[in-house]
């Protein structure tokens, strides 16, 4: 131990001695709020409080200028952006206020979507059929049903009409 002390003293007395440069220490800094107060009831901290303002809200591109400082290109660019936003907004809102036209438009869009799908076949209805369906009443329906049964009789054969032979194996237990 004394020898180590003498070695250190000899090194200090030497004129060429240069101390080792300081080594920076690595510290881990967590992204936490500066003060966290404990309460009886545990509280939850949202992620937005842990983030910097630039991380929460996107910073506008370019420098912020007053209206008087803007150039012609800046004004045109702002106008194009405004028009683009209005166009997107108008596409999102319905164009007509008439409910019948809205239904027709919905049907058209659905037919377009169905036409693009695979394994879908779209059949167009006859105009005659649609007019019959709208003017039908229950009496007309049952009259038409009665006529169709009279014109196209379908009879089922009964099993008793046919000669059947019973096997003795079926009767055995």
C-alpha atoms as a PDB file:
ATOM      1  CA  UNK A   1       0.000   0.000   0.000  1.00  0.00           C
ATOM      2  CA  UNK A   2       2.811   2.393   0.835  1.00  0.00           C
ATOM      3  CA  UNK A   3       4.547   1.398  -2.322  1.00  0.00           C
ATOM      4  CA  UNK A   4       1.462   2.331  -4.390  1.00  0.00           C
ATOM      5  CA  UNK A   5       1.384   5.702  -2.669  1.00  0.00           C
ATOM      6  CA  UNK A   6       5.037   6.350  -3.474  1.00  0.00           C
ATOM      7  CA  UNK A   7       4.493   5.350  -7.099  1.00  0.00           C
ATOM      8  CA  UNK A   8       1.630   7.834  -7.356  1.00  0.00           C
ATOM      9  CA  UNK A   9       3.719  10.590  -5.727  1.00  0.00           C
ATOM     10  CA  UNK A  10       6.596   9.926  -8.119  1.00  0.00           C
ATOM     11  CA  UNK A  11       4.195  10.136 -11.051  1.00  0.00           C
ATOM     12  CA  UNK A  12       2.804  13.438  -9.800  1.00  0.00           C
ATOM     13  CA  UNK A  13       6.256  14.938  -9.375  1.00  0.00           C
ATOM     14  CA  UNK A  14       7.194  14.038 -12.938  1.00  0.00           C
ATOM     15  CA  UNK A  15       6.925  17.046 -15.330  1.00  0.00           C
ATOM     16  CA  UNK A  16       5.729  14.995 -18.247  1.00  0.00           C
ATOM     17  CA  UNK A  17       2.761  13.582 -16.375  1.00  0.00           C
ATOM     18  CA  UNK A  18      -0.609  14.235 -18.048  1.00  0.00           C
ATOM     19  CA  UNK A  19      -3.718  12.921 -16.369  1.00  0.00           C
ATOM     20  CA  UNK A  20      -6.073  10.666 -18.283  1.00  0.00           C
ATOM     21  CA  UNK A  21      -8.900  12.534 -20.007  1.00  0.00           C
ATOM     22  CA  UNK A  22     -12.262  12.203 -18.257  1.00  0.00           C
ATOM     23  CA  UNK A  23     -14.512   9.516 -19.703  1.00  0.00           C
ATOM     24  CA  UNK A  24     -18.120  10.603 -20.125  1.00  0.00           C
ATOM     25  CA  UNK A  25     -20.561   8.495 -18.165  1.00  0.00           C
ATOM     26  CA  UNK A  26     -23.512   7.025 -19.987  1.00  0.00           C
ATOM     27  CA  UNK A  27     -26.812   7.992 -18.396  1.00  0.00           C
ATOM     28  CA  UNK A  28     -30.228   6.785 -19.473  1.00  0.00           C
ATOM     29  CA  UNK A  29     -32.902   9.475 -19.543  1.00  0.00           C
ATOM     30  CA  UNK A  30     -36.489   8.266 -19.632  1.00  0.00           C
ATOM     31  CA  UNK A  31     -39.193  10.232 -21.410  1.00  0.00           C
ATOM     32  CA  UNK A  32     -41.191  10.894 -18.243  1.00  0.00           C
ATOM     33  CA  UNK A  33     -42.824  13.989 -16.794  1.00  0.00           C
ATOM     34  CA  UNK A  34     -40.585  16.094 -14.568  1.00  0.00           C
ATOM     35  CA  UNK A  35     -42.825  15.755 -11.519  1.00  0.00           C
ATOM     36  CA  UNK A  36     -44.999  12.788 -10.803  1.00  0.00           C
ATOM     37  CA  UNK A  37     -47.216  13.219  -7.770  1.00  0.00           C
ATOM     38  CA  UNK A  38     -48.553  10.119  -6.111  1.00  0.00           C
ATOM     39  CA  UNK A  39     -52.132  10.090  -4.999  1.00  0.00           C
ATOM     40  CA  UNK A  40     -54.237   7.579  -3.170  1.00  0.00           C
ATOM     41  CA  UNK A  41     -56.013   6.715  -6.407  1.00  0.00           C
ATOM     42  CA  UNK A  42     -53.601   5.700  -9.190  1.00  0.00           C
ATOM     43  CA  UNK A  43     -53.727   8.027 -12.154  1.00  0.00           C
ATOM     44  CA  UNK A  44     -52.979   7.255 -15.750  1.00  0.00           C
ATOM     45  CA  UNK A  45     -50.680   9.453 -17.756  1.00  0.00           C
ATOM     46  CA  UNK A  46     -51.440   9.833 -21.445  1.00  0.00           C
ATOM     47  CA  UNK A  47     -48.725   9.463 -24.038  1.00  0.00           C
ATOM     48  CA  UNK A  48     -49.245  13.005 -25.264  1.00  0.00           C
ATOM     49  CA  UNK A  49     -47.981  14.444 -21.956  1.00  0.00           C
ATOM     50  CA  UNK A  50     -44.744  12.511 -22.353  1.00  0.00           C
ATOM     51  CA  UNK A  51     -44.061  13.803 -25.868  1.00  0.00           C
ATOM     52  CA  UNK A  52     -42.625  17.084 -27.010  1.00  0.00           C
ATOM     53  CA  UNK A  53     -45.022  19.552 -28.703  1.00  0.00           C
ATOM     54  CA  UNK A  54     -43.391  18.918 -32.099  1.00  0.00           C
ATOM     55  CA  UNK A  55     -44.145  15.218 -31.724  1.00  0.00           C
ATOM     56  CA  UNK A  56     -47.803  15.813 -30.851  1.00  0.00           C
ATOM     57  CA  UNK A  57     -48.634  18.475 -33.462  1.00  0.00           C
ATOM     58  CA  UNK A  58     -47.020  18.487 -36.864  1.00  0.00           C
ATOM     59  CA  UNK A  59     -45.043  21.591 -37.574  1.00  0.00           C
ATOM     60  CA  UNK A  60     -46.062  23.466 -40.723  1.00  0.00           C
ATOM     61  CA  UNK A  61     -43.601  23.182 -43.573  1.00  0.00           C
ATOM     62  CA  UNK A  62     -41.670  26.298 -44.445  1.00  0.00           C
ATOM     63  CA  UNK A  63     -41.561  29.618 -42.673  1.00  0.00           C
ATOM     64  CA  UNK A  64     -44.656  31.276 -41.280  1.00  0.00           C
ATOM     65  CA  UNK A  65     -45.348  34.492 -43.179  1.00  0.00           C
ATOM     66  CA  UNK A  66     -47.890  37.268 -42.851  1.00  0.00           C
ATOM     67  CA  UNK A  67     -50.301  37.934 -45.735  1.00  0.00           C
ATOM     68  CA  UNK A  68     -48.339  41.011 -46.772  1.00  0.00           C
ATOM     69  CA  UNK A  69     -45.053  39.049 -46.939  1.00  0.00           C
ATOM     70  CA  UNK A  70     -46.369  36.265 -49.187  1.00  0.00           C
ATOM     71  CA  UNK A  71     -45.277  36.108 -52.805  1.00  0.00           C
ATOM     72  CA  UNK A  72     -47.479  35.303 -55.785  1.00  0.00           C
ATOM     73  CA  UNK A  73     -46.363  31.661 -55.770  1.00  0.00           C
ATOM     74  CA  UNK A  74     -47.205  31.353 -52.064  1.00  0.00           C
ATOM     75  CA  UNK A  75     -50.674  32.782 -52.686  1.00  0.00           C
ATOM     76  CA  UNK A  76     -51.285  30.446 -55.629  1.00  0.00           C
ATOM     77  CA  UNK A  77     -50.091  27.463 -53.615  1.00  0.00           C
ATOM     78  CA  UNK A  78     -52.467  28.331 -50.767  1.00  0.00           C
ATOM     79  CA  UNK A  79     -55.330  28.719 -53.253  1.00  0.00           C
ATOM     80  CA  UNK A  80     -54.602  25.304 -54.810  1.00  0.00           C
ATOM     81  CA  UNK A  81     -54.595  23.693 -51.363  1.00  0.00           C
ATOM     82  CA  UNK A  82     -57.890  25.364 -50.492  1.00  0.00           C
ATOM     83  CA  UNK A  83     -59.486  24.187 -53.745  1.00  0.00           C
ATOM     84  CA  UNK A  84     -58.219  20.645 -53.167  1.00  0.00           C
ATOM     85  CA  UNK A  85     -59.696  20.566 -49.657  1.00  0.00           C
ATOM     86  CA  UNK A  86     -63.033  21.922 -50.902  1.00  0.00           C
ATOM     87  CA  UNK A  87     -63.137  19.306 -53.664  1.00  0.00           C
ATOM     88  CA  UNK A  88     -62.564  16.502 -51.171  1.00  0.00           C
ATOM     89  CA  UNK A  89     -65.230  17.957 -48.904  1.00  0.00           C
ATOM     90  CA  UNK A  90     -67.765  18.194 -51.734  1.00  0.00           C
ATOM     91  CA  UNK A  91     -67.165  14.556 -52.694  1.00  0.00           C
ATOM     92  CA  UNK A  92     -67.862  13.486 -49.136  1.00  0.00           C
ATOM     93  CA  UNK A  93     -71.188  15.352 -48.886  1.00  0.00           C
ATOM     94  CA  UNK A  94     -74.214  14.248 -50.935  1.00  0.00           C
ATOM     95  CA  UNK A  95     -74.914  16.397 -53.984  1.00  0.00           C
ATOM     96  CA  UNK A  96     -78.706  16.168 -54.036  1.00  0.00           C
ATOM     97  CA  UNK A  97     -81.298  16.784 -51.391  1.00  0.00           C
ATOM     98  CA  UNK A  98     -83.993  14.810 -53.211  1.00  0.00           C
ATOM     99  CA  UNK A  99     -84.282  11.372 -51.541  1.00  0.00           C
ATOM    100  CA  UNK A 100     -85.369   9.645 -54.771  1.00  0.00           C
ATOM    101  CA  UNK A 101     -82.273  10.854 -56.595  1.00  0.00           C
ATOM    102  CA  UNK A 102     -80.106   9.811 -53.652  1.00  0.00           C
ATOM    103  CA  UNK A 103     -81.558   6.287 -53.795  1.00  0.00           C
ATOM    104  CA  UNK A 104     -80.901   6.089 -57.528  1.00  0.00           C
ATOM    105  CA  UNK A 105     -77.332   7.275 -56.997  1.00  0.00           C
ATOM    106  CA  UNK A 106     -76.802   4.686 -54.253  1.00  0.00           C
ATOM    107  CA  UNK A 107     -78.133   1.946 -56.540  1.00  0.00           C
ATOM    108  CA  UNK A 108     -75.768   3.038 -59.310  1.00  0.00           C
ATOM    109  CA  UNK A 109     -72.763   2.978 -57.001  1.00  0.00           C
ATOM    110  CA  UNK A 110     -73.752  -0.432 -55.628  1.00  0.00           C
ATOM    111  CA  UNK A 111     -74.168  -1.817 -59.141  1.00  0.00           C
ATOM    112  CA  UNK A 112     -70.726  -0.501 -60.068  1.00  0.00           C
ATOM    113  CA  UNK A 113     -69.213  -2.169 -56.999  1.00  0.00           C
ATOM    114  CA  UNK A 114     -71.027  -5.433 -57.722  1.00  0.00           C
ATOM    115  CA  UNK A 115     -69.915  -5.338 -61.346  1.00  0.00           C
ATOM    116  CA  UNK A 116     -66.283  -5.226 -60.254  1.00  0.00           C
ATOM    117  CA  UNK A 117     -66.672  -8.231 -57.942  1.00  0.00           C
ATOM    118  CA  UNK A 118     -65.970 -11.777 -59.074  1.00  0.00           C
ATOM    119  CA  UNK A 119     -68.611 -14.502 -59.336  1.00  0.00           C
ATOM    120  CA  UNK A 120     -71.463 -11.988 -59.455  1.00  0.00           C
ATOM    121  CA  UNK A 121     -74.023 -11.938 -62.226  1.00  0.00           C
ATOM    122  CA  UNK A 122     -76.408  -8.988 -62.423  1.00  0.00           C
ATOM    123  CA  UNK A 123     -79.784  -9.619 -64.014  1.00  0.00           C
ATOM    124  CA  UNK A 124     -81.907  -6.708 -65.063  1.00  0.00           C
ATOM    125  CA  UNK A 125     -85.581  -6.922 -64.117  1.00  0.00           C
ATOM    126  CA  UNK A 126     -88.285  -6.660 -66.774  1.00  0.00           C
ATOM    127  CA  UNK A 127     -90.330  -3.496 -66.763  1.00  0.00           C
ATOM    128  CA  UNK A 128     -93.526  -5.544 -67.066  1.00  0.00           C
ATOM    129  CA  UNK A 129     -92.774  -7.493 -63.924  1.00  0.00           C
ATOM    130  CA  UNK A 130     -92.018  -4.405 -61.892  1.00  0.00           C
ATOM    131  CA  UNK A 131     -95.326  -2.785 -62.907  1.00  0.00           C
ATOM    132  CA  UNK A 132     -97.200  -5.963 -61.946  1.00  0.00           C
ATOM    133  CA  UNK A 133     -95.559  -6.086 -58.554  1.00  0.00           C
ATOM    134  CA  UNK A 134     -96.413  -2.504 -57.711  1.00  0.00           C
ATOM    135  CA  UNK A 135    -100.120  -2.880 -58.550  1.00  0.00           C
ATOM    136  CA  UNK A 136    -100.667  -6.247 -56.856  1.00  0.00           C
ATOM    137  CA  UNK A 137    -103.118  -6.876 -54.123  1.00  0.00           C
ATOM    138  CA  UNK A 138    -103.624 -10.028 -52.116  1.00  0.00           C
ATOM    139  CA  UNK A 139    -106.708 -11.062 -54.113  1.00  0.00           C
ATOM    140  CA  UNK A 140    -104.857 -10.736 -57.419  1.00  0.00           C
ATOM    141  CA  UNK A 141    -101.944 -12.697 -56.033  1.00  0.00           C
ATOM    142  CA  UNK A 142    -104.105 -15.600 -54.876  1.00  0.00           C
ATOM    143  CA  UNK A 143    -106.106 -15.608 -58.128  1.00  0.00           C
ATOM    144  CA  UNK A 144    -102.878 -15.849 -60.087  1.00  0.00           C
ATOM    145  CA  UNK A 145    -101.665 -18.620 -57.792  1.00  0.00           C
ATOM    146  CA  UNK A 146    -104.925 -20.544 -58.303  1.00  0.00           C
ATOM    147  CA  UNK A 147    -104.657 -20.227 -62.077  1.00  0.00           C
ATOM    148  CA  UNK A 148    -101.069 -21.432 -62.088  1.00  0.00           C
ATOM    149  CA  UNK A 149    -101.975 -24.516 -60.062  1.00  0.00           C
ATOM    150  CA  UNK A 150    -104.884 -25.324 -62.386  1.00  0.00           C
ATOM    151  CA  UNK A 151    -102.836 -24.977 -65.556  1.00  0.00           C
ATOM    152  CA  UNK A 152     -99.791 -26.871 -64.274  1.00  0.00           C
ATOM    153  CA  UNK A 153    -101.040 -29.724 -62.130  1.00  0.00           C
ATOM    154  CA  UNK A 154     -98.280 -31.552 -60.377  1.00  0.00           C
ATOM    155  CA  UNK A 155     -99.223 -34.783 -58.693  1.00  0.00           C
ATOM    156  CA  UNK A 156     -97.030 -36.875 -56.526  1.00  0.00           C
ATOM    157  CA  UNK A 157     -97.075 -40.633 -56.722  1.00  0.00           C
ATOM    158  CA  UNK A 158     -97.781 -42.427 -53.566  1.00  0.00           C
ATOM    159  CA  UNK A 159     -95.746 -45.362 -52.492  1.00  0.00           C
ATOM    160  CA  UNK A 160     -98.869 -47.394 -51.863  1.00  0.00           C
ATOM    161  CA  UNK A 161     -99.743 -47.359 -55.579  1.00  0.00           C
ATOM    162  CA  UNK A 162     -96.588 -49.227 -56.387  1.00  0.00           C
ATOM    163  CA  UNK A 163     -96.312 -52.874 -55.534  1.00  0.00           C
ATOM    164  CA  UNK A 164     -93.781 -53.318 -52.822  1.00  0.00           C
ATOM    165  CA  UNK A 165     -92.312 -56.518 -51.557  1.00  0.00           C
ATOM    166  CA  UNK A 166     -91.354 -56.578 -47.921  1.00  0.00           C
ATOM    167  CA  UNK A 167     -88.313 -58.516 -46.967  1.00  0.00           C
ATOM    168  CA  UNK A 168     -88.362 -60.752 -43.988  1.00  0.00           C
ATOM    169  CA  UNK A 169     -84.986 -59.348 -42.969  1.00  0.00           C
ATOM    170  CA  UNK A 170     -86.550 -55.958 -42.289  1.00  0.00           C
ATOM    171  CA  UNK A 171     -89.071 -57.465 -39.951  1.00  0.00           C
ATOM    172  CA  UNK A 172     -86.527 -59.343 -37.885  1.00  0.00           C
ATOM    173  CA  UNK A 173     -85.420 -57.778 -34.681  1.00  0.00           C
END
